[in-house]
Amino acid sequence: DGRRFFEDFVMGRFTISKDNAKNA
């Protein structure tokens, strides 16, 4: 479902994403 969680130190600097077609 794409729900995400970031640790506090990330502070908006990082993003996490997925690619279903590439299994990555």
PDB file of all heavy atoms in Angstrom:
ATOM      1  N   ASP A   1       0.798  -1.222   0.000  1.00  0.00           N
ATOM      2  CA  ASP A   1       0.000   0.000   0.000  1.00  0.00           C
ATOM      3  C   ASP A   1       0.830   1.271   0.000  1.00  0.00           C
ATOM      4  O   ASP A   1       0.291   2.361  -0.027  1.00  0.00           O
ATOM      5  CB  ASP A   1      -0.966   0.009   1.196  1.00  0.00           C
ATOM      6  CG  ASP A   1      -0.251  -0.057   2.537  1.00  0.00           C
ATOM      7  OD1 ASP A   1       0.928   0.317   2.615  1.00  0.00           O
ATOM      8  OD2 ASP A   1      -0.890  -0.466   3.524  1.00  0.00           O
ATOM      9  N   GLY A   2       2.158   1.128   0.061  1.00  0.00           N
ATOM     10  CA  GLY A   2       3.020   2.298  -0.046  1.00  0.00           C
ATOM     11  C   GLY A   2       3.169   3.125   1.209  1.00  0.00           C
ATOM     12  O   GLY A   2       3.801   4.191   1.180  1.00  0.00           O
ATOM     13  N   ARG A   3       2.568   2.685   2.335  1.00  0.00           N
ATOM     14  CA  ARG A   3       2.769   3.439   3.568  1.00  0.00           C
ATOM     15  C   ARG A   3       4.256   3.527   3.869  1.00  0.00           C
ATOM     16  O   ARG A   3       4.994   2.573   3.716  1.00  0.00           O
ATOM     17  CB  ARG A   3       2.039   2.771   4.734  1.00  0.00           C
ATOM     18  CG  ARG A   3       0.538   2.953   4.759  1.00  0.00           C
ATOM     19  CD  ARG A   3      -0.051   2.205   5.928  1.00  0.00           C
ATOM     20  NE  ARG A   3       0.158   0.768   5.773  1.00  0.00           N
ATOM     21  CZ  ARG A   3       0.253  -0.086   6.783  1.00  0.00           C
ATOM     22  NH1 ARG A   3       0.202   0.354   8.022  1.00  0.00           N
ATOM     23  NH2 ARG A   3       0.412  -1.373   6.560  1.00  0.00           N
ATOM     24  N   ARG A   4       4.664   4.713   4.334  1.00  0.00           N
ATOM     25  CA  ARG A   4       6.075   4.978   4.577  1.00  0.00           C
ATOM     26  C   ARG A   4       6.301   5.466   5.998  1.00  0.00           C
ATOM     27  O   ARG A   4       5.403   6.053   6.616  1.00  0.00           O
ATOM     28  CB  ARG A   4       6.585   6.053   3.610  1.00  0.00           C
ATOM     29  CG  ARG A   4       6.573   5.640   2.161  1.00  0.00           C
ATOM     30  CD  ARG A   4       6.666   6.852   1.258  1.00  0.00           C
ATOM     31  NE  ARG A   4       6.886   6.503  -0.125  1.00  0.00           N
ATOM     32  CZ  ARG A   4       5.927   6.153  -0.972  1.00  0.00           C
ATOM     33  NH1 ARG A   4       4.680   6.102  -0.570  1.00  0.00           N
ATOM     34  NH2 ARG A   4       6.223   5.866  -2.227  1.00  0.00           N
ATOM     35  N   PHE A   5       7.498   5.229   6.487  1.00  0.00           N
ATOM     36  CA  PHE A   5       7.931   5.763   7.777  1.00  0.00           C
ATOM     37  C   PHE A   5       9.360   6.222   7.628  1.00  0.00           C
ATOM     38  O   PHE A   5      10.190   5.543   7.011  1.00  0.00           O
ATOM     39  CB  PHE A   5       7.831   4.707   8.873  1.00  0.00           C
ATOM     40  CG  PHE A   5       8.355   5.193  10.202  1.00  0.00           C
ATOM     41  CD1 PHE A   5       7.571   5.978  11.012  1.00  0.00           C
ATOM     42  CD2 PHE A   5       9.654   4.891  10.608  1.00  0.00           C
ATOM     43  CE1 PHE A   5       8.065   6.450  12.220  1.00  0.00           C
ATOM     44  CE2 PHE A   5      10.147   5.347  11.808  1.00  0.00           C
ATOM     45  CZ  PHE A   5       9.347   6.129  12.620  1.00  0.00           C
ATOM     46  N   PHE A   6       9.652   7.385   8.217  1.00  0.00           N
ATOM     47  CA  PHE A   6      11.003   7.933   8.200  1.00  0.00           C
ATOM     48  C   PHE A   6      11.442   8.231   9.618  1.00  0.00           C
ATOM     49  O   PHE A   6      10.654   8.753  10.418  1.00  0.00           O
ATOM     50  CB  PHE A   6      11.062   9.222   7.380  1.00  0.00           C
ATOM     51  CG  PHE A   6      10.722   9.039   5.934  1.00  0.00           C
ATOM     52  CD1 PHE A   6       9.420   9.189   5.491  1.00  0.00           C
ATOM     53  CD2 PHE A   6      11.705   8.730   5.012  1.00  0.00           C
ATOM     54  CE1 PHE A   6       9.098   9.027   4.159  1.00  0.00           C
ATOM     55  CE2 PHE A   6      11.401   8.561   3.668  1.00  0.00           C
ATOM     56  CZ  PHE A   6      10.093   8.707   3.238  1.00  0.00           C
ATOM     57  N   GLU A   7      12.677   7.938   9.923  1.00  0.00           N
ATOM     58  CA  GLU A   7      13.211   8.317  11.218  1.00  0.00           C
ATOM     59  C   GLU A   7      13.372   9.840  11.261  1.00  0.00           C
ATOM     60  O   GLU A   7      13.516  10.499  10.235  1.00  0.00           O
ATOM     61  CB  GLU A   7      14.536   7.617  11.483  1.00  0.00           C
ATOM     62  CG  GLU A   7      14.381   6.127  11.766  1.00  0.00           C
ATOM     63  CD  GLU A   7      13.636   5.842  13.058  1.00  0.00           C
ATOM     64  OE1 GLU A   7      13.410   6.767  13.856  1.00  0.00           O
ATOM     65  OE2 GLU A   7      13.273   4.676  13.263  1.00  0.00           O
ATOM     66  N   ASP A   8      13.357  10.354  12.485  1.00  0.00           N
ATOM     67  CA  ASP A   8      13.354  11.806  12.655  1.00  0.00           C
ATOM     68  C   ASP A   8      14.551  12.490  12.006  1.00  0.00           C
ATOM     69  O   ASP A   8      14.431  13.602  11.472  1.00  0.00           O
ATOM     70  CB  ASP A   8      13.306  12.155  14.144  1.00  0.00           C
ATOM     71  CG  ASP A   8      11.969  11.810  14.781  1.00  0.00           C
ATOM     72  OD1 ASP A   8      11.001  11.590  14.021  1.00  0.00           O
ATOM     73  OD2 ASP A   8      11.908  11.761  16.021  1.00  0.00           O
ATOM     74  N   PHE A   9      15.710  11.848  12.032  1.00  0.00           N
ATOM     75  CA  PHE A   9      16.908  12.524  11.539  1.00  0.00           C
ATOM     76  C   PHE A   9      16.858  12.743  10.019  1.00  0.00           C
ATOM     77  O   PHE A   9      17.619  13.519   9.476  1.00  0.00           O
ATOM     78  CB  PHE A   9      18.175  11.741  11.903  1.00  0.00           C
ATOM     79  CG  PHE A   9      18.272  10.370  11.296  1.00  0.00           C
ATOM     80  CD1 PHE A   9      18.660  10.203   9.975  1.00  0.00           C
ATOM     81  CD2 PHE A   9      17.970   9.249  12.038  1.00  0.00           C
ATOM     82  CE1 PHE A   9      18.755   8.944   9.406  1.00  0.00           C
ATOM     83  CE2 PHE A   9      18.051   7.976  11.495  1.00  0.00           C
ATOM     84  CZ  PHE A   9      18.443   7.827  10.175  1.00  0.00           C
ATOM     85  N   VAL A  10      15.933  12.064   9.339  1.00  0.00           N
ATOM     86  CA  VAL A  10      15.826  12.264   7.893  1.00  0.00           C
ATOM     87  C   VAL A  10      15.377  13.688   7.581  1.00  0.00           C
ATOM     88  O   VAL A  10      15.851  14.300   6.624  1.00  0.00           O
ATOM     89  CB  VAL A  10      14.845  11.231   7.294  1.00  0.00           C
ATOM     90  CG1 VAL A  10      14.504  11.585   5.854  1.00  0.00           C
ATOM     91  CG2 VAL A  10      15.442   9.829   7.372  1.00  0.00           C
ATOM     92  N   MET A  11      14.463  14.209   8.369  1.00  0.00           N
ATOM     93  CA  MET A  11      14.041  15.620   8.292  1.00  0.00           C
ATOM     94  C   MET A  11      13.683  16.047   6.869  1.00  0.00           C
ATOM     95  O   MET A  11      14.096  17.106   6.392  1.00  0.00           O
ATOM     96  CB  MET A  11      15.144  16.526   8.859  1.00  0.00           C
ATOM     97  CG  MET A  11      15.320  16.358  10.364  1.00  0.00           C
ATOM     98  SD  MET A  11      16.540  17.515  11.066  1.00  0.00           S
ATOM     99  CE  MET A  11      18.029  16.921  10.288  1.00  0.00           C
ATOM    100  N   GLY A  12      12.955  15.207   6.159  1.00  0.00           N
ATOM    101  CA  GLY A  12      12.492  15.576   4.836  1.00  0.00           C
ATOM    102  C   GLY A  12      13.536  15.489   3.740  1.00  0.00           C
ATOM    103  O   GLY A  12      13.268  15.849   2.597  1.00  0.00           O
ATOM    104  N   ARG A  13      14.728  15.013   4.065  1.00  0.00           N
ATOM    105  CA  ARG A  13      15.806  14.990   3.066  1.00  0.00           C
ATOM    106  C   ARG A  13      15.758  13.750   2.178  1.00  0.00           C
ATOM    107  O   ARG A  13      16.284  13.762   1.059  1.00  0.00           O
ATOM    108  CB  ARG A  13      17.156  15.033   3.780  1.00  0.00           C
ATOM    109  CG  ARG A  13      17.363  16.273   4.639  1.00  0.00           C
ATOM    110  CD  ARG A  13      18.716  16.225   5.322  1.00  0.00           C
ATOM    111  NE  ARG A  13      18.804  15.074   6.229  1.00  0.00           N
ATOM    112  CZ  ARG A  13      19.879  14.296   6.338  1.00  0.00           C
ATOM    113  NH1 ARG A  13      20.945  14.541   5.604  1.00  0.00           N
ATOM    114  NH2 ARG A  13      19.893  13.285   7.201  1.00  0.00           N
ATOM    115  N   PHE A  14      15.192  12.660   2.679  1.00  0.00           N
ATOM    116  CA  PHE A  14      15.211  11.386   1.955  1.00  0.00           C
ATOM    117  C   PHE A  14      13.794  11.006   1.532  1.00  0.00           C
ATOM    118  O   PHE A  14      12.811  11.350   2.195  1.00  0.00           O
ATOM    119  CB  PHE A  14      15.754  10.255   2.838  1.00  0.00           C
ATOM    120  CG  PHE A  14      17.147  10.439   3.358  1.00  0.00           C
ATOM    121  CD1 PHE A  14      17.676   9.527   4.274  1.00  0.00           C
ATOM    122  CD2 PHE A  14      17.956  11.483   2.957  1.00  0.00           C
ATOM    123  CE1 PHE A  14      18.956   9.665   4.771  1.00  0.00           C
ATOM    124  CE2 PHE A  14      19.249  11.642   3.441  1.00  0.00           C
ATOM    125  CZ  PHE A  14      19.734  10.726   4.351  1.00  0.00           C
ATOM    126  N   THR A  15      13.699  10.268   0.439  1.00  0.00           N
ATOM    127  CA  THR A  15      12.432   9.664   0.042  1.00  0.00           C
ATOM    128  C   THR A  15      12.666   8.187  -0.236  1.00  0.00           C
ATOM    129  O   THR A  15      13.745   7.793  -0.697  1.00  0.00           O
ATOM    130  CB  THR A  15      11.842  10.333  -1.201  1.00  0.00           C
ATOM    131  OG1 THR A  15      12.796  10.249  -2.278  1.00  0.00           O
ATOM    132  CG2 THR A  15      11.503  11.784  -0.952  1.00  0.00           C
ATOM    133  N   ILE A  16      11.654   7.384   0.043  1.00  0.00           N
ATOM    134  CA  ILE A  16      11.703   5.959  -0.244  1.00  0.00           C
ATOM    135  C   ILE A  16      10.597   5.658  -1.236  1.00  0.00           C
ATOM    136  O   ILE A  16       9.474   6.154  -1.111  1.00  0.00           O
ATOM    137  CB  ILE A  16      11.575   5.106   1.038  1.00  0.00           C
ATOM    138  CG1 ILE A  16      11.783   3.624   0.745  1.00  0.00           C
ATOM    139  CG2 ILE A  16      10.249   5.351   1.752  1.00  0.00           C
ATOM    140  CD1 ILE A  16      11.891   2.757   2.008  1.00  0.00           C
ATOM    141  N   SER A  17      10.919   4.866  -2.242  1.00  0.00           N
ATOM    142  CA  SER A  17       9.939   4.559  -3.277  1.00  0.00           C
ATOM    143  C   SER A  17      10.120   3.114  -3.733  1.00  0.00           C
ATOM    144  O   SER A  17      11.113   2.465  -3.395  1.00  0.00           O
ATOM    145  CB  SER A  17      10.091   5.513  -4.460  1.00  0.00           C
ATOM    146  OG  SER A  17      11.380   5.402  -5.035  1.00  0.00           O
ATOM    147  N   LYS A  18       9.161   2.633  -4.508  1.00  0.00           N
ATOM    148  CA  LYS A  18       9.198   1.254  -4.977  1.00  0.00           C
ATOM    149  C   LYS A  18       8.857   1.186  -6.449  1.00  0.00           C
ATOM    150  O   LYS A  18       8.197   2.080  -6.980  1.00  0.00           O
ATOM    151  CB  LYS A  18       8.243   0.383  -4.158  1.00  0.00           C
ATOM    152  CG  LYS A  18       6.771   0.801  -4.283  1.00  0.00           C
ATOM    153  CD  LYS A  18       5.927  -0.037  -3.356  1.00  0.00           C
ATOM    154  CE  LYS A  18       4.458   0.357  -3.458  1.00  0.00           C
ATOM    155  NZ  LYS A  18       3.823  -0.198  -4.657  1.00  0.00           N
ATOM    156  N   ASP A  19       9.288   0.131  -7.079  1.00  0.00           N
ATOM    157  CA  ASP A  19       8.963  -0.121  -8.478  1.00  0.00           C
ATOM    158  C   ASP A  19       8.506  -1.570  -8.573  1.00  0.00           C
ATOM    159  O   ASP A  19       9.322  -2.490  -8.529  1.00  0.00           O
ATOM    160  CB  ASP A  19      10.185   0.128  -9.367  1.00  0.00           C
ATOM    161  CG  ASP A  19       9.870   0.037 -10.846  1.00  0.00           C
ATOM    162  OD1 ASP A  19       9.011  -0.777 -11.229  1.00  0.00           O
ATOM    163  OD2 ASP A  19      10.501   0.776 -11.621  1.00  0.00           O
ATOM    164  N   ASN A  20       7.203  -1.750  -8.701  1.00  0.00           N
ATOM    165  CA  ASN A  20       6.656  -3.109  -8.726  1.00  0.00           C
ATOM    166  C   ASN A  20       7.201  -3.912  -9.903  1.00  0.00           C
ATOM    167  O   ASN A  20       7.500  -5.101  -9.780  1.00  0.00           O
ATOM    168  CB  ASN A  20       5.131  -3.058  -8.792  1.00  0.00           C
ATOM    169  CG  ASN A  20       4.512  -2.527  -7.520  1.00  0.00           C
ATOM    170  OD1 ASN A  20       5.207  -2.259  -6.544  1.00  0.00           O
ATOM    171  ND2 ASN A  20       3.211  -2.363  -7.531  1.00  0.00           N
ATOM    172  N   ALA A  21       7.334  -3.264 -11.036  1.00  0.00           N
ATOM    173  CA  ALA A  21       7.784  -3.971 -12.234  1.00  0.00           C
ATOM    174  C   ALA A  21       9.210  -4.482 -12.092  1.00  0.00           C
ATOM    175  O   ALA A  21       9.567  -5.533 -12.628  1.00  0.00           O
ATOM    176  CB  ALA A  21       7.673  -3.065 -13.443  1.00  0.00           C
ATOM    177  N   LYS A  22      10.023  -3.725 -11.338  1.00  0.00           N
ATOM    178  CA  LYS A  22      11.428  -4.106 -11.174  1.00  0.00           C
ATOM    179  C   LYS A  22      11.669  -4.848  -9.865  1.00  0.00           C
ATOM    180  O   LYS A  22      12.809  -5.240  -9.593  1.00  0.00           O
ATOM    181  CB  LYS A  22      12.318  -2.871 -11.247  1.00  0.00           C
ATOM    182  CG  LYS A  22      12.294  -2.214 -12.616  1.00  0.00           C
ATOM    183  CD  LYS A  22      13.264  -1.053 -12.690  1.00  0.00           C
ATOM    184  CE  LYS A  22      13.274  -0.453 -14.091  1.00  0.00           C
ATOM    185  NZ  LYS A  22      14.203   0.689 -14.201  1.00  0.00           N
ATOM    186  N   ASN A  23      10.616  -5.001  -9.059  1.00  0.00           N
ATOM    187  CA  ASN A  23      10.784  -5.710  -7.775  1.00  0.00           C
ATOM    188  C   ASN A  23      11.898  -5.065  -6.960  1.00  0.00           C
ATOM    189  O   ASN A  23      12.816  -5.744  -6.466  1.00  0.00           O
ATOM    190  CB  ASN A  23      11.087  -7.192  -8.034  1.00  0.00           C
ATOM    191  CG  ASN A  23      10.721  -8.095  -6.886  1.00  0.00           C
ATOM    192  OD1 ASN A  23       9.798  -7.822  -6.123  1.00  0.00           O
ATOM    193  ND2 ASN A  23      11.448  -9.186  -6.750  1.00  0.00           N
ATOM    194  N   ALA A  24      11.803  -3.756  -6.830  1.00  0.00           N
ATOM    195  CA  ALA A  24      12.902  -2.996  -6.225  1.00  0.00           C
ATOM    196  C   ALA A  24      12.371  -1.857  -5.366  1.00  0.00           C
ATOM    197  O   ALA A  24      11.225  -1.410  -5.520  1.00  0.00           O
ATOM    198  CB  ALA A  24      13.814  -2.435  -7.309  1.00  0.00           C
TER     199      ALA A  24
END
